[in-house]
Amino acid sequence: MTIATETLDALVGELQAAAARLRRGQIDAEEASAVVEHCADLATRVANELDSVQRAARAEAHAEPRPGQGELL
């Protein structure tokens, strides 16, 4: 598992835990508001991480072949 995958898994886990807290409805309105804000922050972090992964994949796709990895004729 890559660091990016581990990071995304951790962020998704946090989002799922926050959603579960909200679904249970056992928190007051102020705390619910804080949880919703935290979810928005997590979603932004997930989007940034996915963007980073995509940029890295594009860069690797356009990189020079590694030694010994040239095209076969």
PDB file of N, CA and C in Angstrom:
ATOM      1  N   MET A   1       0.851  -1.180   0.000  1.00  0.00           N
ATOM      2  CA  MET A   1       0.000   0.000   0.000  1.00  0.00           C
ATOM      3  C   MET A   1       0.892   1.237   0.000  1.00  0.00           C
ATOM      4  N   THR A   2       0.562   2.215  -0.826  1.00  0.00           N
ATOM      5  CA  THR A   2       1.364   3.434  -0.908  1.00  0.00           C
ATOM      6  C   THR A   2       0.984   4.407   0.198  1.00  0.00           C
ATOM      7  N   ILE A   3       1.848   5.391   0.391  1.00  0.00           N
ATOM      8  CA  ILE A   3       1.564   6.424   1.394  1.00  0.00           C
ATOM      9  C   ILE A   3       0.282   7.152   1.033  1.00  0.00           C
ATOM     10  N   ALA A   4       0.093   7.453  -0.257  1.00  0.00           N
ATOM     11  CA  ALA A   4      -1.126   8.151  -0.685  1.00  0.00           C
ATOM     12  C   ALA A   4      -2.359   7.328  -0.358  1.00  0.00           C
ATOM     13  N   THR A   5      -2.289   6.029  -0.619  1.00  0.00           N
ATOM     14  CA  THR A   5      -3.428   5.159  -0.326  1.00  0.00           C
ATOM     15  C   THR A   5      -3.694   5.111   1.166  1.00  0.00           C
ATOM     16  N   GLU A   6      -2.637   5.024   1.951  1.00  0.00           N
ATOM     17  CA  GLU A   6      -2.801   5.011   3.408  1.00  0.00           C
ATOM     18  C   GLU A   6      -3.419   6.322   3.896  1.00  0.00           C
ATOM     19  N   THR A   7      -2.972   7.431   3.337  1.00  0.00           N
ATOM     20  CA  THR A   7      -3.512   8.738   3.712  1.00  0.00           C
ATOM     21  C   THR A   7      -4.992   8.817   3.356  1.00  0.00           C
ATOM     22  N   LEU A   8      -5.327   8.395   2.129  1.00  0.00           N
ATOM     23  CA  LEU A   8      -6.725   8.429   1.704  1.00  0.00           C
ATOM     24  C   LEU A   8      -7.578   7.511   2.572  1.00  0.00           C
ATOM     25  N   ASP A   9      -7.077   6.326   2.884  1.00  0.00           N
ATOM     26  CA  ASP A   9      -7.831   5.405   3.742  1.00  0.00           C
ATOM     27  C   ASP A   9      -8.087   6.014   5.118  1.00  0.00           C
ATOM     28  N   ALA A  10      -7.080   6.689   5.663  1.00  0.00           N
ATOM     29  CA  ALA A  10      -7.246   7.321   6.979  1.00  0.00           C
ATOM     30  C   ALA A  10      -8.285   8.440   6.918  1.00  0.00           C
ATOM     31  N   LEU A  11      -8.222   9.262   5.865  1.00  0.00           N
ATOM     32  CA  LEU A  11      -9.183  10.357   5.732  1.00  0.00           C
ATOM     33  C   LEU A  11     -10.599   9.832   5.534  1.00  0.00           C
ATOM     34  N   VAL A  12     -10.747   8.805   4.721  1.00  0.00           N
ATOM     35  CA  VAL A  12     -12.071   8.209   4.504  1.00  0.00           C
ATOM     36  C   VAL A  12     -12.593   7.622   5.811  1.00  0.00           C
ATOM     37  N   GLY A  13     -11.725   6.993   6.573  1.00  0.00           N
ATOM     38  CA  GLY A  13     -12.129   6.455   7.880  1.00  0.00           C
ATOM     39  C   GLY A  13     -12.634   7.544   8.806  1.00  0.00           C
ATOM     40  N   GLU A  14     -11.955   8.693   8.806  1.00  0.00           N
ATOM     41  CA  GLU A  14     -12.399   9.819   9.628  1.00  0.00           C
ATOM     42  C   GLU A  14     -13.762  10.325   9.173  1.00  0.00           C
ATOM     43  N   LEU A  15     -13.946  10.417   7.848  1.00  0.00           N
ATOM     44  CA  LEU A  15     -15.242  10.860   7.319  1.00  0.00           C
ATOM     45  C   LEU A  15     -16.356   9.893   7.707  1.00  0.00           C
ATOM     46  N   GLN A  16     -16.074   8.614   7.618  1.00  0.00           N
ATOM     47  CA  GLN A  16     -17.087   7.614   7.976  1.00  0.00           C
ATOM     48  C   GLN A  16     -17.437   7.691   9.462  1.00  0.00           C
ATOM     49  N   ALA A  17     -16.438   7.890  10.300  1.00  0.00           N
ATOM     50  CA  ALA A  17     -16.694   8.004  11.737  1.00  0.00           C
ATOM     51  C   ALA A  17     -17.535   9.242  12.041  1.00  0.00           C
ATOM     52  N   ALA A  18     -17.216  10.349  11.376  1.00  0.00           N
ATOM     53  CA  ALA A  18     -17.980  11.581  11.585  1.00  0.00           C
ATOM     54  C   ALA A  18     -19.418  11.399  11.107  1.00  0.00           C
ATOM     55  N   ALA A  19     -19.594  10.765   9.961  1.00  0.00           N
ATOM     56  CA  ALA A  19     -20.944  10.529   9.447  1.00  0.00           C
ATOM     57  C   ALA A  19     -21.740   9.649  10.398  1.00  0.00           C
ATOM     58  N   ALA A  20     -21.097   8.647  10.965  1.00  0.00           N
ATOM     59  CA  ALA A  20     -21.779   7.759  11.910  1.00  0.00           C
ATOM     60  C   ALA A  20     -22.238   8.540  13.145  1.00  0.00           C
ATOM     61  N   ARG A  21     -21.393   9.453  13.629  1.00  0.00           N
ATOM     62  CA  ARG A  21     -21.775  10.281  14.787  1.00  0.00           C
ATOM     63  C   ARG A  21     -23.002  11.123  14.465  1.00  0.00           C
ATOM     64  N   LEU A  22     -23.014  11.698  13.262  1.00  0.00           N
ATOM     65  CA  LEU A  22     -24.148  12.535  12.872  1.00  0.00           C
ATOM     66  C   LEU A  22     -25.424  11.698  12.718  1.00  0.00           C
ATOM     67  N   ARG A  23     -25.287  10.513  12.150  1.00  0.00           N
ATOM     68  CA  ARG A  23     -26.475   9.654  11.965  1.00  0.00           C
ATOM     69  C   ARG A  23     -27.082   9.212  13.294  1.00  0.00           C
ATOM     70  N   ARG A  24     -26.230   8.984  14.282  1.00  0.00           N
ATOM     71  CA  ARG A  24     -26.748   8.564  15.593  1.00  0.00           C
ATOM     72  C   ARG A  24     -27.582   9.660  16.238  1.00  0.00           C
ATOM     73  N   GLY A  25     -27.305  10.902  15.890  1.00  0.00           N
ATOM     74  CA  GLY A  25     -28.088  12.017  16.407  1.00  0.00           C
ATOM     75  C   GLY A  25     -27.936  12.244  17.897  1.00  0.00           C
ATOM     76  N   GLN A  26     -26.852  11.783  18.472  1.00  0.00           N
ATOM     77  CA  GLN A  26     -26.656  11.905  19.914  1.00  0.00           C
ATOM     78  C   GLN A  26     -25.729  13.057  20.283  1.00  0.00           C
ATOM     79  N   ILE A  27     -25.616  14.036  19.379  1.00  0.00           N
ATOM     80  CA  ILE A  27     -24.788  15.200  19.673  1.00  0.00           C
ATOM     81  C   ILE A  27     -25.639  16.455  19.517  1.00  0.00           C
ATOM     82  N   ASP A  28     -25.259  17.484  20.256  1.00  0.00           N
ATOM     83  CA  ASP A  28     -26.044  18.718  20.184  1.00  0.00           C
ATOM     84  C   ASP A  28     -25.732  19.480  18.894  1.00  0.00           C
ATOM     85  N   ALA A  29     -26.489  20.504  18.634  1.00  0.00           N
ATOM     86  CA  ALA A  29     -26.377  21.246  17.377  1.00  0.00           C
ATOM     87  C   ALA A  29     -24.998  21.879  17.197  1.00  0.00           C
ATOM     88  N   GLU A  30     -24.436  22.406  18.254  1.00  0.00           N
ATOM     89  CA  GLU A  30     -23.124  23.048  18.159  1.00  0.00           C
ATOM     90  C   GLU A  30     -22.048  22.022  17.793  1.00  0.00           C
ATOM     91  N   GLU A  31     -22.096  20.870  18.452  1.00  0.00           N
ATOM     92  CA  GLU A  31     -21.121  19.824  18.144  1.00  0.00           C
ATOM     93  C   GLU A  31     -21.343  19.284  16.731  1.00  0.00           C
ATOM     94  N   ALA A  32     -22.596  19.148  16.317  1.00  0.00           N
ATOM     95  CA  ALA A  32     -22.906  18.682  14.961  1.00  0.00           C
ATOM     96  C   ALA A  32     -22.336  19.649  13.931  1.00  0.00           C
ATOM     97  N   SER A  33     -22.447  20.934  14.219  1.00  0.00           N
ATOM     98  CA  SER A  33     -21.893  21.938  13.316  1.00  0.00           C
ATOM     99  C   SER A  33     -20.378  21.781  13.197  1.00  0.00           C
ATOM    100  N   ALA A  34     -19.724  21.534  14.319  1.00  0.00           N
ATOM    101  CA  ALA A  34     -18.272  21.338  14.306  1.00  0.00           C
ATOM    102  C   ALA A  34     -17.899  20.083  13.519  1.00  0.00           C
ATOM    103  N   VAL A  35     -18.687  19.027  13.659  1.00  0.00           N
ATOM    104  CA  VAL A  35     -18.425  17.784  12.925  1.00  0.00           C
ATOM    105  C   VAL A  35     -18.597  18.010  11.425  1.00  0.00           C
ATOM    106  N   VAL A  36     -19.626  18.752  11.044  1.00  0.00           N
ATOM    107  CA  VAL A  36     -19.857  19.051   9.627  1.00  0.00           C
ATOM    108  C   VAL A  36     -18.688  19.867   9.070  1.00  0.00           C
ATOM    109  N   GLU A  37     -18.202  20.836   9.824  1.00  0.00           N
ATOM    110  CA  GLU A  37     -17.042  21.619   9.377  1.00  0.00           C
ATOM    111  C   GLU A  37     -15.816  20.734   9.236  1.00  0.00           C
ATOM    112  N   HIS A  38     -15.649  19.814  10.180  1.00  0.00           N
ATOM    113  CA  HIS A  38     -14.525  18.880  10.118  1.00  0.00           C
ATOM    114  C   HIS A  38     -14.639  18.007   8.862  1.00  0.00           C
ATOM    115  N   CYS A  39     -15.844  17.563   8.539  1.00  0.00           N
ATOM    116  CA  CYS A  39     -16.066  16.762   7.331  1.00  0.00           C
ATOM    117  C   CYS A  39     -15.695  17.561   6.075  1.00  0.00           C
ATOM    118  N   ALA A  40     -16.054  18.818   6.052  1.00  0.00           N
ATOM    119  CA  ALA A  40     -15.713  19.661   4.904  1.00  0.00           C
ATOM    120  C   ALA A  40     -14.200  19.777   4.771  1.00  0.00           C
ATOM    121  N   ASP A  41     -13.505  19.934   5.889  1.00  0.00           N
ATOM    122  CA  ASP A  41     -12.045  19.999   5.875  1.00  0.00           C
ATOM    123  C   ASP A  41     -11.463  18.679   5.381  1.00  0.00           C
ATOM    124  N   LEU A  42     -11.993  17.570   5.866  1.00  0.00           N
ATOM    125  CA  LEU A  42     -11.513  16.262   5.429  1.00  0.00           C
ATOM    126  C   LEU A  42     -11.743  16.057   3.930  1.00  0.00           C
ATOM    127  N   ALA A  43     -12.899  16.473   3.451  1.00  0.00           N
ATOM    128  CA  ALA A  43     -13.207  16.328   2.024  1.00  0.00           C
ATOM    129  C   ALA A  43     -12.218  17.136   1.177  1.00  0.00           C
ATOM    130  N   THR A  44     -11.853  18.309   1.647  1.00  0.00           N
ATOM    131  CA  THR A  44     -10.860  19.124   0.948  1.00  0.00           C
ATOM    132  C   THR A  44      -9.517  18.413   0.935  1.00  0.00           C
ATOM    133  N   ARG A  45      -9.138  17.825   2.063  1.00  0.00           N
ATOM    134  CA  ARG A  45      -7.870  17.100   2.136  1.00  0.00           C
ATOM    135  C   ARG A  45      -7.878  15.888   1.215  1.00  0.00           C
ATOM    136  N   VAL A  46      -9.000  15.191   1.130  1.00  0.00           N
ATOM    137  CA  VAL A  46      -9.114  14.042   0.225  1.00  0.00           C
ATOM    138  C   VAL A  46      -8.949  14.512  -1.220  1.00  0.00           C
ATOM    139  N   ALA A  47      -9.628  15.590  -1.582  1.00  0.00           N
ATOM    140  CA  ALA A  47      -9.531  16.114  -2.945  1.00  0.00           C
ATOM    141  C   ALA A  47      -8.090  16.511  -3.265  1.00  0.00           C
ATOM    142  N   ASN A  48      -7.411  17.151  -2.336  1.00  0.00           N
ATOM    143  CA  ASN A  48      -6.019  17.546  -2.549  1.00  0.00           C
ATOM    144  C   ASN A  48      -5.119  16.327  -2.708  1.00  0.00           C
ATOM    145  N   GLU A  49      -5.343  15.316  -1.906  1.00  0.00           N
ATOM    146  CA  GLU A  49      -4.543  14.092  -1.985  1.00  0.00           C
ATOM    147  C   GLU A  49      -4.768  13.385  -3.321  1.00  0.00           C
ATOM    148  N   LEU A  50      -6.024  13.309  -3.758  1.00  0.00           N
ATOM    149  CA  LEU A  50      -6.326  12.683  -5.049  1.00  0.00           C
ATOM    150  C   LEU A  50      -5.684  13.474  -6.194  1.00  0.00           C
ATOM    151  N   ASP A  51      -5.703  14.788  -6.096  1.00  0.00           N
ATOM    152  CA  ASP A  51      -5.076  15.627  -7.114  1.00  0.00           C
ATOM    153  C   ASP A  51      -3.572  15.362  -7.151  1.00  0.00           C
ATOM    154  N   SER A  52      -2.970  15.231  -5.995  1.00  0.00           N
ATOM    155  CA  SER A  52      -1.538  14.948  -5.917  1.00  0.00           C
ATOM    156  C   SER A  52      -1.205  13.595  -6.539  1.00  0.00           C
ATOM    157  N   VAL A  53      -2.019  12.606  -6.262  1.00  0.00           N
ATOM    158  CA  VAL A  53      -1.813  11.272  -6.833  1.00  0.00           C
ATOM    159  C   VAL A  53      -1.935  11.332  -8.348  1.00  0.00           C
ATOM    160  N   GLN A  54      -2.924  12.052  -8.836  1.00  0.00           N
ATOM    161  CA  GLN A  54      -3.132  12.171 -10.276  1.00  0.00           C
ATOM    162  C   GLN A  54      -1.954  12.880 -10.943  1.00  0.00           C
ATOM    163  N   ARG A  55      -1.468  13.957 -10.330  1.00  0.00           N
ATOM    164  CA  ARG A  55      -0.315  14.670 -10.900  1.00  0.00           C
ATOM    165  C   ARG A  55       0.913  13.767 -10.938  1.00  0.00           C
ATOM    166  N   ALA A  56       1.132  12.993  -9.881  1.00  0.00           N
ATOM    167  CA  ALA A  56       2.280  12.090  -9.839  1.00  0.00           C
ATOM    168  C   ALA A  56       2.168  11.014 -10.916  1.00  0.00           C
ATOM    169  N   ALA A  57       0.965  10.487 -11.120  1.00  0.00           N
ATOM    170  CA  ALA A  57       0.757   9.471 -12.151  1.00  0.00           C
ATOM    171  C   ALA A  57       1.012  10.047 -13.545  1.00  0.00           C
ATOM    172  N   ARG A  58       0.556  11.259 -13.770  1.00  0.00           N
ATOM    173  CA  ARG A  58       0.789  11.906 -15.072  1.00  0.00           C
ATOM    174  C   ARG A  58       2.279  12.142 -15.295  1.00  0.00           C
ATOM    175  N   ALA A  59       2.966  12.606 -14.259  1.00  0.00           N
ATOM    176  CA  ALA A  59       4.400  12.867 -14.378  1.00  0.00           C
ATOM    177  C   ALA A  59       5.150  11.570 -14.669  1.00  0.00           C
ATOM    178  N   GLU A  60       4.771  10.507 -14.009  1.00  0.00           N
ATOM    179  CA  GLU A  60       5.427   9.219 -14.238  1.00  0.00           C
ATOM    180  C   GLU A  60       5.155   8.700 -15.648  1.00  0.00           C
ATOM    181  N   ALA A  61       3.942   8.918 -16.135  1.00  0.00           N
ATOM    182  CA  ALA A  61       3.586   8.459 -17.474  1.00  0.00           C
ATOM    183  C   ALA A  61       4.394   9.185 -18.543  1.00  0.00           C
ATOM    184  N   HIS A  62       4.787  10.418 -18.270  1.00  0.00           N
ATOM    185  CA  HIS A  62       5.529  11.207 -19.249  1.00  0.00           C
ATOM    186  C   HIS A  62       7.032  11.204 -18.980  1.00  0.00           C
ATOM    187  N   ALA A  63       7.471  10.471 -17.983  1.00  0.00           N
ATOM    188  CA  ALA A  63       8.890  10.429 -17.634  1.00  0.00           C
ATOM    189  C   ALA A  63       9.658   9.557 -18.627  1.00  0.00           C
ATOM    190  N   GLU A  64      10.950   9.790 -18.668  1.00  0.00           N
ATOM    191  CA  GLU A  64      11.817   8.957 -19.503  1.00  0.00           C
ATOM    192  C   GLU A  64      11.796   7.523 -18.959  1.00  0.00           C
ATOM    193  N   PRO A  65      11.888   6.539 -19.852  1.00  0.00           N
ATOM    194  CA  PRO A  65      11.925   5.149 -19.373  1.00  0.00           C
ATOM    195  C   PRO A  65      13.122   4.937 -18.462  1.00  0.00           C
ATOM    196  N   ARG A  66      12.968   4.083 -17.496  1.00  0.00           N
ATOM    197  CA  ARG A  66      14.062   3.747 -16.594  1.00  0.00           C
ATOM    198  C   ARG A  66      15.070   2.880 -17.348  1.00  0.00           C
ATOM    199  N   PRO A  67      16.294   2.872 -16.892  1.00  0.00           N
ATOM    200  CA  PRO A  67      17.285   2.029 -17.568  1.00  0.00           C
ATOM    201  C   PRO A  67      16.796   0.580 -17.667  1.00  0.00           C
ATOM    202  N   GLY A  68      16.921   0.026 -18.854  1.00  0.00           N
ATOM    203  CA  GLY A  68      16.472  -1.346 -19.065  1.00  0.00           C
ATOM    204  C   GLY A  68      15.008  -1.466 -19.384  1.00  0.00           C
ATOM    205  N   GLN A  69      14.286  -0.337 -19.430  1.00  0.00           N
ATOM    206  CA  GLN A  69      12.850  -0.359 -19.660  1.00  0.00           C
ATOM    207  C   GLN A  69      12.478   0.264 -21.004  1.00  0.00           C
ATOM    208  N   GLY A  70      13.419   0.275 -21.943  1.00  0.00           N
ATOM    209  CA  GLY A  70      13.163   0.848 -23.248  1.00  0.00           C
ATOM    210  C   GLY A  70      12.157   0.021 -24.037  1.00  0.00           C
ATOM    211  N   GLU A  71      11.651   0.610 -25.092  1.00  0.00           N
ATOM    212  CA  GLU A  71      10.650  -0.088 -25.919  1.00  0.00           C
ATOM    213  C   GLU A  71      11.302  -1.196 -26.705  1.00  0.00           C
ATOM    214  N   LEU A  72      10.581  -2.275 -26.890  1.00  0.00           N
ATOM    215  CA  LEU A  72      11.052  -3.372 -27.722  1.00  0.00           C
ATOM    216  C   LEU A  72      10.689  -3.068 -29.165  1.00  0.00           C
ATOM    217  N   LEU A  73      11.564  -3.385 -30.068  1.00  0.00           N
ATOM    218  CA  LEU A  73      11.307  -3.144 -31.482  1.00  0.00           C
ATOM    219  C   LEU A  73      10.747  -4.357 -32.145  1.00  0.00           C
TER     220      LEU A  73
END
